Amino acid sequence: MTSHAATLSVAQQIKNINAPLSAKNKAAKFWIAMHESGGSYTARNGNCYGRYQLLITYLHGNYSAVNQEKVANEYVKGRYGSWIKAKKFWQIHHWY
């Protein structure tokens, strides 16, 4: 028996993860992704990895696009409250 998540495509899983975000938050998230990695899920810079250049330790060995999306949302919600606020921070400091 397969789980429901296993039957969904990666794109659909990512869409579901980001569904609760407003259009403005989705736009800010995309903006950060483009500035951090050019949108690449495999970009690496020192101890940071993926589309959102998260610390490798945050990903707990799961570098999948789905996990990166989930972890990035959790990180931003916990640290900034929203992707909009994270983008504003990034624009000042050139990191988030």
PDB file of N, CA and C in Angstrom:
ATOM      1  N   MET A   1       0.835  -1.177   0.000  1.00  0.00           N
ATOM      2  CA  MET A   1       0.000   0.000   0.000  1.00  0.00           C
ATOM      3  C   MET A   1       0.883   1.245   0.000  1.00  0.00           C
ATOM      4  N   THR A   2       0.643   2.153  -0.928  1.00  0.00           N
ATOM      5  CA  THR A   2       1.429   3.379  -0.999  1.00  0.00           C
ATOM      6  C   THR A   2       0.662   4.518  -0.355  1.00  0.00           C
ATOM      7  N   SER A   3       1.422   5.450   0.187  1.00  0.00           N
ATOM      8  CA  SER A   3       0.785   6.611   0.799  1.00  0.00           C
ATOM      9  C   SER A   3       0.287   7.548  -0.284  1.00  0.00           C
ATOM     10  N   HIS A   4      -0.632   8.425   0.100  1.00  0.00           N
ATOM     11  CA  HIS A   4      -1.170   9.401  -0.843  1.00  0.00           C
ATOM     12  C   HIS A   4      -0.060  10.286  -1.396  1.00  0.00           C
ATOM     13  N   ALA A   5       0.878  10.718  -0.527  1.00  0.00           N
ATOM     14  CA  ALA A   5       1.977  11.585  -0.963  1.00  0.00           C
ATOM     15  C   ALA A   5       2.822  10.902  -2.026  1.00  0.00           C
ATOM     16  N   ALA A   6       3.000   9.599  -1.912  1.00  0.00           N
ATOM     17  CA  ALA A   6       3.818   8.868  -2.867  1.00  0.00           C
ATOM     18  C   ALA A   6       3.174   8.837  -4.250  1.00  0.00           C
ATOM     19  N   THR A   7       1.864   8.989  -4.322  1.00  0.00           N
ATOM     20  CA  THR A   7       1.186   8.943  -5.605  1.00  0.00           C
ATOM     21  C   THR A   7       1.147  10.303  -6.291  1.00  0.00           C
ATOM     22  N   LEU A   8       1.468  11.355  -5.553  1.00  0.00           N
ATOM     23  CA  LEU A   8       1.485  12.687  -6.134  1.00  0.00           C
ATOM     24  C   LEU A   8       2.841  12.969  -6.762  1.00  0.00           C
ATOM     25  N   SER A   9       2.846  13.716  -7.849  1.00  0.00           N
ATOM     26  CA  SER A   9       4.111  14.114  -8.464  1.00  0.00           C
ATOM     27  C   SER A   9       4.835  15.087  -7.537  1.00  0.00           C
ATOM     28  N   VAL A  10       6.113  15.229  -7.753  1.00  0.00           N
ATOM     29  CA  VAL A  10       6.900  16.187  -6.970  1.00  0.00           C
ATOM     30  C   VAL A  10       6.303  17.585  -7.130  1.00  0.00           C
ATOM     31  N   ALA A  11       5.966  17.953  -8.343  1.00  0.00           N
ATOM     32  CA  ALA A  11       5.386  19.283  -8.586  1.00  0.00           C
ATOM     33  C   ALA A  11       4.098  19.479  -7.794  1.00  0.00           C
ATOM     34  N   GLN A  12       3.257  18.444  -7.739  1.00  0.00           N
ATOM     35  CA  GLN A  12       1.998  18.560  -7.002  1.00  0.00           C
ATOM     36  C   GLN A  12       2.249  18.632  -5.498  1.00  0.00           C
ATOM     37  N   GLN A  13       3.223  17.868  -5.012  1.00  0.00           N
ATOM     38  CA  GLN A  13       3.559  17.939  -3.590  1.00  0.00           C
ATOM     39  C   GLN A  13       4.047  19.335  -3.220  1.00  0.00           C
ATOM     40  N   ILE A  14       4.885  19.926  -4.069  1.00  0.00           N
ATOM     41  CA  ILE A  14       5.389  21.279  -3.821  1.00  0.00           C
ATOM     42  C   ILE A  14       4.241  22.283  -3.869  1.00  0.00           C
ATOM     43  N   LYS A  15       3.351  22.114  -4.829  1.00  0.00           N
ATOM     44  CA  LYS A  15       2.186  23.002  -4.930  1.00  0.00           C
ATOM     45  C   LYS A  15       1.356  22.936  -3.646  1.00  0.00           C
ATOM     46  N   ASN A  16       1.166  21.732  -3.126  1.00  0.00           N
ATOM     47  CA  ASN A  16       0.392  21.560  -1.886  1.00  0.00           C
ATOM     48  C   ASN A  16       1.095  22.193  -0.688  1.00  0.00           C
ATOM     49  N   ILE A  17       2.417  22.055  -0.627  1.00  0.00           N
ATOM     50  CA  ILE A  17       3.190  22.643   0.475  1.00  0.00           C
ATOM     51  C   ILE A  17       3.045  24.162   0.472  1.00  0.00           C
ATOM     52  N   ASN A  18       3.046  24.746  -0.725  1.00  0.00           N
ATOM     53  CA  ASN A  18       2.996  26.201  -0.844  1.00  0.00           C
ATOM     54  C   ASN A  18       1.582  26.767  -0.953  1.00  0.00           C
ATOM     55  N   ALA A  19       0.580  25.901  -1.017  1.00  0.00           N
ATOM     56  CA  ALA A  19      -0.804  26.353  -1.169  1.00  0.00           C
ATOM     57  C   ALA A  19      -1.254  27.343  -0.092  1.00  0.00           C
ATOM     58  N   PRO A  20      -0.852  27.163   1.176  1.00  0.00           N
ATOM     59  CA  PRO A  20      -1.304  28.118   2.201  1.00  0.00           C
ATOM     60  C   PRO A  20      -0.701  29.526   2.067  1.00  0.00           C
ATOM     61  N   LEU A  21       0.343  29.675   1.286  1.00  0.00           N
ATOM     62  CA  LEU A  21       0.993  30.978   1.146  1.00  0.00           C
ATOM     63  C   LEU A  21       0.181  31.910   0.256  1.00  0.00           C
ATOM     64  N   SER A  22       0.147  33.181   0.621  1.00  0.00           N
ATOM     65  CA  SER A  22      -0.510  34.181  -0.227  1.00  0.00           C
ATOM     66  C   SER A  22       0.308  34.376  -1.497  1.00  0.00           C
ATOM     67  N   ALA A  23      -0.296  35.008  -2.477  1.00  0.00           N
ATOM     68  CA  ALA A  23       0.419  35.286  -3.731  1.00  0.00           C
ATOM     69  C   ALA A  23       1.661  36.130  -3.466  1.00  0.00           C
ATOM     70  N   LYS A  24       1.572  37.101  -2.560  1.00  0.00           N
ATOM     71  CA  LYS A  24       2.722  37.958  -2.253  1.00  0.00           C
ATOM     72  C   LYS A  24       3.823  37.167  -1.557  1.00  0.00           C
ATOM     73  N   ASN A  25       3.452  36.239  -0.679  1.00  0.00           N
ATOM     74  CA  ASN A  25       4.456  35.398  -0.030  1.00  0.00           C
ATOM     75  C   ASN A  25       5.095  34.440  -1.025  1.00  0.00           C
ATOM     76  N   LYS A  26       4.305  33.888  -1.935  1.00  0.00           N
ATOM     77  CA  LYS A  26       4.860  33.012  -2.979  1.00  0.00           C
ATOM     78  C   LYS A  26       5.850  33.791  -3.842  1.00  0.00           C
ATOM     79  N   ALA A  27       5.511  35.030  -4.170  1.00  0.00           N
ATOM     80  CA  ALA A  27       6.402  35.861  -4.992  1.00  0.00           C
ATOM     81  C   ALA A  27       7.699  36.159  -4.242  1.00  0.00           C
ATOM     82  N   ALA A  28       7.606  36.442  -2.949  1.00  0.00           N
ATOM     83  CA  ALA A  28       8.800  36.719  -2.149  1.00  0.00           C
ATOM     84  C   ALA A  28       9.658  35.467  -2.026  1.00  0.00           C
ATOM     85  N   LYS A  29       9.020  34.318  -1.875  1.00  0.00           N
ATOM     86  CA  LYS A  29       9.752  33.056  -1.785  1.00  0.00           C
ATOM     87  C   LYS A  29      10.507  32.798  -3.087  1.00  0.00           C
ATOM     88  N   PHE A  30       9.846  33.017  -4.208  1.00  0.00           N
ATOM     89  CA  PHE A  30      10.488  32.831  -5.508  1.00  0.00           C
ATOM     90  C   PHE A  30      11.654  33.803  -5.661  1.00  0.00           C
ATOM     91  N   TRP A  31      11.468  35.044  -5.255  1.00  0.00           N
ATOM     92  CA  TRP A  31      12.518  36.058  -5.341  1.00  0.00           C
ATOM     93  C   TRP A  31      13.753  35.607  -4.565  1.00  0.00           C
ATOM     94  N   ILE A  32      13.544  35.121  -3.337  1.00  0.00           N
ATOM     95  CA  ILE A  32      14.664  34.637  -2.521  1.00  0.00           C
ATOM     96  C   ILE A  32      15.338  33.456  -3.204  1.00  0.00           C
ATOM     97  N   ALA A  33      14.559  32.520  -3.723  1.00  0.00           N
ATOM     98  CA  ALA A  33      15.135  31.351  -4.402  1.00  0.00           C
ATOM     99  C   ALA A  33      16.021  31.785  -5.567  1.00  0.00           C
ATOM    100  N   MET A  34      15.568  32.741  -6.326  1.00  0.00           N
ATOM    101  CA  MET A  34      16.346  33.184  -7.480  1.00  0.00           C
ATOM    102  C   MET A  34      17.629  33.890  -7.051  1.00  0.00           C
ATOM    103  N   HIS A  35      17.574  34.632  -5.962  1.00  0.00           N
ATOM    104  CA  HIS A  35      18.760  35.339  -5.491  1.00  0.00           C
ATOM    105  C   HIS A  35      19.723  34.428  -4.734  1.00  0.00           C
ATOM    106  N   GLU A  36      19.215  33.396  -4.106  1.00  0.00           N
ATOM    107  CA  GLU A  36      20.063  32.471  -3.347  1.00  0.00           C
ATOM    108  C   GLU A  36      20.746  31.440  -4.234  1.00  0.00           C
ATOM    109  N   SER A  37      20.020  30.899  -5.206  1.00  0.00           N
ATOM    110  CA  SER A  37      20.541  29.749  -5.964  1.00  0.00           C
ATOM    111  C   SER A  37      20.232  29.780  -7.453  1.00  0.00           C
ATOM    112  N   GLY A  38      19.627  30.855  -7.924  1.00  0.00           N
ATOM    113  CA  GLY A  38      19.167  30.860  -9.309  1.00  0.00           C
ATOM    114  C   GLY A  38      18.037  29.871  -9.518  1.00  0.00           C
ATOM    115  N   GLY A  39      17.407  29.441  -8.407  1.00  0.00           N
ATOM    116  CA  GLY A  39      16.289  28.503  -8.470  1.00  0.00           C
ATOM    117  C   GLY A  39      16.692  27.043  -8.468  1.00  0.00           C
ATOM    118  N   SER A  40      17.979  26.749  -8.290  1.00  0.00           N
ATOM    119  CA  SER A  40      18.474  25.376  -8.360  1.00  0.00           C
ATOM    120  C   SER A  40      18.314  24.632  -7.033  1.00  0.00           C
ATOM    121  N   TYR A  41      17.742  23.447  -7.107  1.00  0.00           N
ATOM    122  CA  TYR A  41      17.607  22.598  -5.922  1.00  0.00           C
ATOM    123  C   TYR A  41      18.918  21.888  -5.574  1.00  0.00           C
ATOM    124  N   THR A  42      19.921  21.991  -6.430  1.00  0.00           N
ATOM    125  CA  THR A  42      21.194  21.307  -6.164  1.00  0.00           C
ATOM    126  C   THR A  42      22.356  22.276  -5.952  1.00  0.00           C
ATOM    127  N   ALA A  43      22.085  23.562  -5.861  1.00  0.00           N
ATOM    128  CA  ALA A  43      23.143  24.555  -5.633  1.00  0.00           C
ATOM    129  C   ALA A  43      23.773  24.318  -4.260  1.00  0.00           C
ATOM    130  N   ARG A  44      25.083  24.529  -4.193  1.00  0.00           N
ATOM    131  CA  ARG A  44      25.762  24.344  -2.908  1.00  0.00           C
ATOM    132  C   ARG A  44      26.763  25.471  -2.700  1.00  0.00           C
ATOM    133  N   ASN A  45      26.821  25.973  -1.474  1.00  0.00           N
ATOM    134  CA  ASN A  45      27.764  27.013  -1.108  1.00  0.00           C
ATOM    135  C   ASN A  45      28.183  26.747   0.332  1.00  0.00           C
ATOM    136  N   GLY A  46      29.326  26.122   0.497  1.00  0.00           N
ATOM    137  CA  GLY A  46      29.799  25.797   1.839  1.00  0.00           C
ATOM    138  C   GLY A  46      28.846  24.852   2.550  1.00  0.00           C
ATOM    139  N   ASN A  47      28.328  25.275   3.697  1.00  0.00           N
ATOM    140  CA  ASN A  47      27.398  24.455   4.479  1.00  0.00           C
ATOM    141  C   ASN A  47      25.941  24.671   4.105  1.00  0.00           C
ATOM    142  N   CYS A  48      25.710  25.366   3.016  1.00  0.00           N
ATOM    143  CA  CYS A  48      24.333  25.644   2.582  1.00  0.00           C
ATOM    144  C   CYS A  48      24.039  24.875   1.298  1.00  0.00           C
ATOM    145  N   TYR A  49      22.786  24.457   1.145  1.00  0.00           N
ATOM    146  CA  TYR A  49      22.427  23.611   0.017  1.00  0.00           C
ATOM    147  C   TYR A  49      21.038  23.962  -0.502  1.00  0.00           C
ATOM    148  N   GLY A  50      20.889  23.868  -1.810  1.00  0.00           N
ATOM    149  CA  GLY A  50      19.595  23.875  -2.458  1.00  0.00           C
ATOM    150  C   GLY A  50      19.054  25.232  -2.856  1.00  0.00           C
ATOM    151  N   ARG A  51      17.811  25.174  -3.251  1.00  0.00           N
ATOM    152  CA  ARG A  51      17.101  26.329  -3.792  1.00  0.00           C
ATOM    153  C   ARG A  51      17.099  27.519  -2.838  1.00  0.00           C
ATOM    154  N   TYR A  52      16.993  27.244  -1.544  1.00  0.00           N
ATOM    155  CA  TYR A  52      16.903  28.315  -0.546  1.00  0.00           C
ATOM    156  C   TYR A  52      18.180  28.459   0.276  1.00  0.00           C
ATOM    157  N   GLN A  53      19.221  27.739  -0.121  1.00  0.00           N
ATOM    158  CA  GLN A  53      20.516  27.770   0.559  1.00  0.00           C
ATOM    159  C   GLN A  53      20.359  27.603   2.074  1.00  0.00           C
ATOM    160  N   LEU A  54      19.640  26.563   2.429  1.00  0.00           N
ATOM    161  CA  LEU A  54      19.444  26.211   3.833  1.00  0.00           C
ATOM    162  C   LEU A  54      20.696  25.524   4.362  1.00  0.00           C
ATOM    163  N   LEU A  55      20.961  25.692   5.657  1.00  0.00           N
ATOM    164  CA  LEU A  55      22.056  24.939   6.252  1.00  0.00           C
ATOM    165  C   LEU A  55      21.778  23.449   6.059  1.00  0.00           C
ATOM    166  N   ILE A  56      22.790  22.707   5.674  1.00  0.00           N
ATOM    167  CA  ILE A  56      22.646  21.276   5.407  1.00  0.00           C
ATOM    168  C   ILE A  56      22.024  20.559   6.610  1.00  0.00           C
ATOM    169  N   THR A  57      22.389  20.970   7.807  1.00  0.00           N
ATOM    170  CA  THR A  57      21.855  20.313   9.009  1.00  0.00           C
ATOM    171  C   THR A  57      20.335  20.443   9.106  1.00  0.00           C
ATOM    172  N   TYR A  58      19.761  21.513   8.560  1.00  0.00           N
ATOM    173  CA  TYR A  58      18.301  21.695   8.604  1.00  0.00           C
ATOM    174  C   TYR A  58      17.575  20.641   7.775  1.00  0.00           C
ATOM    175  N   LEU A  59      18.256  20.104   6.760  1.00  0.00           N
ATOM    176  CA  LEU A  59      17.612  19.157   5.839  1.00  0.00           C
ATOM    177  C   LEU A  59      17.664  17.711   6.335  1.00  0.00           C
ATOM    178  N   HIS A  60      18.431  17.448   7.375  1.00  0.00           N
ATOM    179  CA  HIS A  60      18.501  16.120   8.005  1.00  0.00           C
ATOM    180  C   HIS A  60      18.733  15.000   6.997  1.00  0.00           C
ATOM    181  N   GLY A  61      19.615  15.262   6.020  1.00  0.00           N
ATOM    182  CA  GLY A  61      19.977  14.232   5.054  1.00  0.00           C
ATOM    183  C   GLY A  61      18.999  14.049   3.905  1.00  0.00           C
ATOM    184  N   ASN A  62      17.893  14.767   3.906  1.00  0.00           N
ATOM    185  CA  ASN A  62      16.900  14.666   2.839  1.00  0.00           C
ATOM    186  C   ASN A  62      16.997  15.923   1.978  1.00  0.00           C
ATOM    187  N   TYR A  63      17.683  15.808   0.848  1.00  0.00           N
ATOM    188  CA  TYR A  63      17.921  16.961  -0.022  1.00  0.00           C
ATOM    189  C   TYR A  63      16.871  17.102  -1.131  1.00  0.00           C
ATOM    190  N   SER A  64      15.793  16.358  -1.039  1.00  0.00           N
ATOM    191  CA  SER A  64      14.758  16.405  -2.077  1.00  0.00           C
ATOM    192  C   SER A  64      14.136  17.793  -2.176  1.00  0.00           C
ATOM    193  N   ALA A  65      13.635  18.098  -3.357  1.00  0.00           N
ATOM    194  CA  ALA A  65      12.963  19.378  -3.587  1.00  0.00           C
ATOM    195  C   ALA A  65      11.781  19.539  -2.628  1.00  0.00           C
ATOM    196  N   VAL A  66      11.038  18.472  -2.423  1.00  0.00           N
ATOM    197  CA  VAL A  66       9.867  18.527  -1.534  1.00  0.00           C
ATOM    198  C   VAL A  66      10.294  18.894  -0.116  1.00  0.00           C
ATOM    199  N   ASN A  67      11.344  18.250   0.390  1.00  0.00           N
ATOM    200  CA  ASN A  67      11.807  18.561   1.739  1.00  0.00           C
ATOM    201  C   ASN A  67      12.363  19.983   1.824  1.00  0.00           C
ATOM    202  N   GLN A  68      13.080  20.428   0.792  1.00  0.00           N
ATOM    203  CA  GLN A  68      13.600  21.796   0.790  1.00  0.00           C
ATOM    204  C   GLN A  68      12.465  22.813   0.891  1.00  0.00           C
ATOM    205  N   GLU A  69      11.397  22.584   0.153  1.00  0.00           N
ATOM    206  CA  GLU A  69      10.252  23.500   0.191  1.00  0.00           C
ATOM    207  C   GLU A  69       9.627  23.529   1.589  1.00  0.00           C
ATOM    208  N   LYS A  70       9.429  22.343   2.157  1.00  0.00           N
ATOM    209  CA  LYS A  70       8.818  22.230   3.483  1.00  0.00           C
ATOM    210  C   LYS A  70       9.684  22.889   4.552  1.00  0.00           C
ATOM    211  N   VAL A  71      10.967  22.552   4.555  1.00  0.00           N
ATOM    212  CA  VAL A  71      11.887  23.077   5.564  1.00  0.00           C
ATOM    213  C   VAL A  71      12.047  24.591   5.409  1.00  0.00           C
ATOM    214  N   ALA A  72      12.123  25.070   4.184  1.00  0.00           N
ATOM    215  CA  ALA A  72      12.251  26.514   3.955  1.00  0.00           C
ATOM    216  C   ALA A  72      11.045  27.257   4.524  1.00  0.00           C
ATOM    217  N   ASN A  73       9.848  26.733   4.292  1.00  0.00           N
ATOM    218  CA  ASN A  73       8.643  27.373   4.841  1.00  0.00           C
ATOM    219  C   ASN A  73       8.672  27.387   6.363  1.00  0.00           C
ATOM    220  N   GLU A  74       9.089  26.272   6.963  1.00  0.00           N
ATOM    221  CA  GLU A  74       9.153  26.193   8.430  1.00  0.00           C
ATOM    222  C   GLU A  74      10.191  27.172   8.976  1.00  0.00           C
ATOM    223  N   TYR A  75      11.350  27.221   8.332  1.00  0.00           N
ATOM    224  CA  TYR A  75      12.417  28.121   8.760  1.00  0.00           C
ATOM    225  C   TYR A  75      11.959  29.580   8.706  1.00  0.00           C
ATOM    226  N   VAL A  76      11.397  29.969   7.579  1.00  0.00           N
ATOM    227  CA  VAL A  76      10.986  31.361   7.398  1.00  0.00           C
ATOM    228  C   VAL A  76       9.847  31.726   8.347  1.00  0.00           C
ATOM    229  N   LYS A  77       8.894  30.833   8.522  1.00  0.00           N
ATOM    230  CA  LYS A  77       7.793  31.114   9.447  1.00  0.00           C
ATOM    231  C   LYS A  77       8.330  31.319  10.865  1.00  0.00           C
ATOM    232  N   GLY A  78       9.249  30.460  11.284  1.00  0.00           N
ATOM    233  CA  GLY A  78       9.795  30.555  12.623  1.00  0.00           C
ATOM    234  C   GLY A  78      10.691  31.759  12.843  1.00  0.00           C
ATOM    235  N   ARG A  79      11.478  32.096  11.838  1.00  0.00           N
ATOM    236  CA  ARG A  79      12.451  33.185  12.010  1.00  0.00           C
ATOM    237  C   ARG A  79      11.891  34.559  11.669  1.00  0.00           C
ATOM    238  N   TYR A  80      11.087  34.654  10.608  1.00  0.00           N
ATOM    239  CA  TYR A  80      10.626  35.959  10.115  1.00  0.00           C
ATOM    240  C   TYR A  80       9.107  36.148  10.184  1.00  0.00           C
ATOM    241  N   GLY A  81       8.383  35.065  10.230  1.00  0.00           N
ATOM    242  CA  GLY A  81       6.925  35.157  10.233  1.00  0.00           C
ATOM    243  C   GLY A  81       6.307  35.068   8.853  1.00  0.00           C
ATOM    244  N   SER A  82       7.041  35.500   7.832  1.00  0.00           N
ATOM    245  CA  SER A  82       6.533  35.428   6.459  1.00  0.00           C
ATOM    246  C   SER A  82       7.688  35.554   5.476  1.00  0.00           C
ATOM    247  N   TRP A  83       7.431  35.123   4.256  1.00  0.00           N
ATOM    248  CA  TRP A  83       8.427  35.270   3.196  1.00  0.00           C
ATOM    249  C   TRP A  83       8.604  36.738   2.839  1.00  0.00           C
ATOM    250  N   ILE A  84       7.571  37.523   2.968  1.00  0.00           N
ATOM    251  CA  ILE A  84       7.660  38.955   2.681  1.00  0.00           C
ATOM    252  C   ILE A  84       8.670  39.609   3.627  1.00  0.00           C
ATOM    253  N   LYS A  85       8.584  39.286   4.901  1.00  0.00           N
ATOM    254  CA  LYS A  85       9.523  39.834   5.883  1.00  0.00           C
ATOM    255  C   LYS A  85      10.933  39.290   5.658  1.00  0.00           C
ATOM    256  N   ALA A  86      11.034  38.025   5.264  1.00  0.00           N
ATOM    257  CA  ALA A  86      12.342  37.442   4.973  1.00  0.00           C
ATOM    258  C   ALA A  86      12.986  38.157   3.786  1.00  0.00           C
ATOM    259  N   LYS A  87      12.191  38.474   2.766  1.00  0.00           N
ATOM    260  CA  LYS A  87      12.720  39.200   1.600  1.00  0.00           C
ATOM    261  C   LYS A  87      13.208  40.585   2.002  1.00  0.00           C
ATOM    262  N   LYS A  88      12.444  41.277   2.831  1.00  0.00           N
ATOM    263  CA  LYS A  88      12.864  42.609   3.289  1.00  0.00           C
ATOM    264  C   LYS A  88      14.191  42.524   4.033  1.00  0.00           C
ATOM    265  N   PHE A  89      14.337  41.510   4.893  1.00  0.00           N
ATOM    266  CA  PHE A  89      15.592  41.292   5.606  1.00  0.00           C
ATOM    267  C   PHE A  89      16.720  41.027   4.605  1.00  0.00           C
ATOM    268  N   TRP A  90      16.455  40.158   3.619  1.00  0.00           N
ATOM    269  CA  TRP A  90      17.455  39.811   2.610  1.00  0.00           C
ATOM    270  C   TRP A  90      17.923  41.062   1.861  1.00  0.00           C
ATOM    271  N   GLN A  91      16.990  41.919   1.519  1.00  0.00           N
ATOM    272  CA  GLN A  91      17.333  43.109   0.748  1.00  0.00           C
ATOM    273  C   GLN A  91      18.275  44.040   1.529  1.00  0.00           C
ATOM    274  N   ILE A  92      18.200  44.024   2.833  1.00  0.00           N
ATOM    275  CA  ILE A  92      19.080  44.834   3.678  1.00  0.00           C
ATOM    276  C   ILE A  92      20.423  44.140   3.898  1.00  0.00           C
ATOM    277  N   HIS A  93      20.389  42.830   4.188  1.00  0.00           N
ATOM    278  CA  HIS A  93      21.579  42.106   4.628  1.00  0.00           C
ATOM    279  C   HIS A  93      22.217  41.199   3.571  1.00  0.00           C
ATOM    280  N   HIS A  94      21.489  40.945   2.481  1.00  0.00           N
ATOM    281  CA  HIS A  94      21.944  40.049   1.403  1.00  0.00           C
ATOM    282  C   HIS A  94      22.074  38.604   1.865  1.00  0.00           C
ATOM    283  N   TRP A  95      21.308  38.239   2.843  1.00  0.00           N
ATOM    284  CA  TRP A  95      21.137  36.867   3.318  1.00  0.00           C
ATOM    285  C   TRP A  95      19.870  36.886   4.154  1.00  0.00           C
ATOM    286  N   TYR A  96      19.382  35.701   4.481  1.00  0.00           N
ATOM    287  CA  TYR A  96      18.189  35.641   5.342  1.00  0.00           C
ATOM    288  C   TYR A  96      18.301  34.505   6.316  1.00  0.00           C
TER     289      TYR A  96
END
